[in-house]
Protein backbone atom coordinates (compact mmCIF):
# COMPACT_ATOMS: atom_id res chain seq x y z
CA MET A 1 14.02 3.63 -33.37
CA SER A 2 12.63 2.03 -30.27
CA SER A 3 9.37 2.70 -28.61
CA ILE A 4 8.18 2.37 -25.06
CA ASN A 5 4.60 1.53 -24.26
CA ALA A 6 3.27 2.70 -20.95
CA ASP A 7 -0.34 2.91 -19.91
CA THR A 8 0.11 5.85 -17.56
CA ALA A 9 -3.58 5.87 -16.67
CA LYS A 10 -3.30 2.27 -15.46
CA ILE A 11 -0.05 3.03 -13.63
CA SER A 12 -1.75 5.91 -11.83
CA GLU A 13 -4.74 3.68 -11.06
CA VAL A 14 -2.45 1.06 -9.52
CA ALA A 15 -0.76 3.74 -7.41
CA GLY A 16 -4.17 4.81 -6.12
CA GLN A 17 -5.14 1.21 -5.36
CA LEU A 18 -1.93 0.70 -3.37
CA GLY A 19 -2.66 3.84 -1.35
CA ALA A 20 -6.24 2.67 -0.75
CA LEU A 21 -4.95 -0.75 0.34
CA ALA A 22 -2.64 0.94 2.86
CA ASP A 23 -5.56 2.97 4.20
CA ARG A 24 -7.78 -0.13 4.52
CA LEU A 25 -5.05 -2.10 6.29
CA HIS A 26 -4.49 0.74 8.73
CA LYS A 27 -8.23 1.08 9.45
CA VAL A 28 -8.78 -2.66 9.92
CA VAL A 29 -5.90 -3.03 12.36
CA ALA A 30 -6.94 0.12 14.27
CA SER A 31 -10.60 -0.93 14.43
CA HIS A 32 -9.67 -4.28 16.00
CA GLU A 33 -7.25 -2.80 18.55
CA ALA A 34 -9.44 -3.62 21.56
CA ALA A 35 -9.95 -7.22 20.48
CA LEU A 36 -6.22 -7.64 19.99
CA THR A 37 -5.31 -6.41 23.48
CA PRO A 38 -7.06 -8.74 25.91
CA LEU A 39 -7.16 -8.28 29.65
CA PRO A 40 -6.42 -11.24 31.90
CA ALA A 41 -9.48 -13.42 32.48
CA GLY A 42 -8.57 -13.63 36.15
CA SER A 43 -5.82 -12.75 38.59
CA ASP A 44 -4.20 -16.20 38.48
CA GLU A 45 -0.73 -16.61 37.01
CA VAL A 46 -1.89 -18.44 33.89
CA SER A 47 -4.49 -15.80 32.95
CA VAL A 48 -2.06 -12.95 33.55
CA ARG A 49 0.70 -14.67 31.55
CA ALA A 50 -1.64 -15.58 28.69
CA ALA A 51 -2.88 -11.99 28.39
CA LYS A 52 0.70 -10.68 28.58
CA THR A 53 1.81 -13.07 25.82
CA MET A 54 -1.14 -12.16 23.58
CA ASN A 55 -0.40 -8.47 24.09
CA GLU A 56 3.26 -9.01 23.21
CA VAL A 57 2.20 -10.82 20.03
CA HIS A 58 -0.21 -7.98 19.27
CA THR A 59 2.55 -5.40 19.74
CA SER A 60 4.80 -7.30 17.35
CA PHE A 61 1.94 -7.71 14.85
CA ARG A 62 1.00 -4.04 15.09
CA THR A 63 4.59 -2.95 14.52
CA ALA A 64 4.78 -5.16 11.41
CA ALA A 65 1.36 -4.02 10.15
CA ASP A 66 2.28 -0.35 10.63
CA ALA A 67 5.55 -0.92 8.77
CA GLY A 68 3.57 -2.59 5.98
CA VAL A 69 1.27 0.42 5.74
CA VAL A 70 4.28 2.74 5.50
CA GLU A 71 5.83 0.55 2.77
CA LEU A 72 2.59 0.41 0.78
CA ARG A 73 2.29 4.20 0.93
CA GLU A 74 5.91 4.63 -0.17
CA ILE A 75 5.39 2.22 -3.08
CA SER A 76 2.19 4.05 -4.02
CA ARG A 77 4.03 7.38 -4.07
CA ALA A 78 6.92 5.89 -6.09
CA VAL A 79 4.58 4.37 -8.68
CA SER A 80 2.68 7.65 -8.93
CA THR A 81 5.94 9.57 -9.34
CA VAL A 82 7.05 7.25 -12.15
CA SER A 83 3.73 7.69 -13.94
CA SER A 84 3.96 11.48 -13.64
CA ALA A 85 7.57 11.46 -14.80
CA ILE A 86 6.64 9.45 -17.90
CA GLN A 87 3.79 11.83 -18.69
CA ASN A 88 5.97 14.91 -18.08
CA ALA A 89 8.87 13.57 -20.13
CA ASP A 90 6.57 12.83 -23.04
CA THR A 91 4.96 16.26 -22.82
CA ASP A 92 8.35 18.01 -22.54
CA LYS A 93 9.62 16.21 -25.66
CA GLY A 94 6.47 16.97 -27.61
CA PHE A 95 5.30 13.37 -27.71
CA HIS A 96 1.61 12.77 -27.71
CA MET A 97 0.27 9.61 -26.22
CA LYS A 98 -1.81 7.55 -28.57
CA SER A 99 -3.80 4.56 -27.57
CA ASP A 100 -2.52 1.13 -28.59
CA LYS A 101 -5.80 -0.76 -28.71
CA ARG A 102 -4.13 -4.14 -29.25
CA ALA A 103 -2.01 -4.04 -26.10
CA GLY A 104 -4.16 -1.73 -24.02
CA ALA A 105 -1.15 0.55 -23.63
CA GLU A 106 -0.23 4.00 -24.82
CA SER A 107 2.55 4.30 -27.39
CA VAL A 108 5.23 6.93 -27.20
């Protein structure tokens, strides 16, 4: 007979941390929006072009950061779903989780 050890509490904690990381990343990028979108320092060609280039870089960065936030949230949900599925499967089969103090995991 084989056994699987899964610390579902830790798995759920990691899922929450990933979600919190996504939230922090979103807030940091949003809070620095003004600093990341400079206006030209003057009306000369160099100032206008420099501001345009920085804004293009910001747009690219923001798109990538937003995609990263979406990915982190999807991973968080997936990890949470796996943890719930493990707990539900064990409950449905009548298994009771017992703490494995040596490994810090729960034994099924």
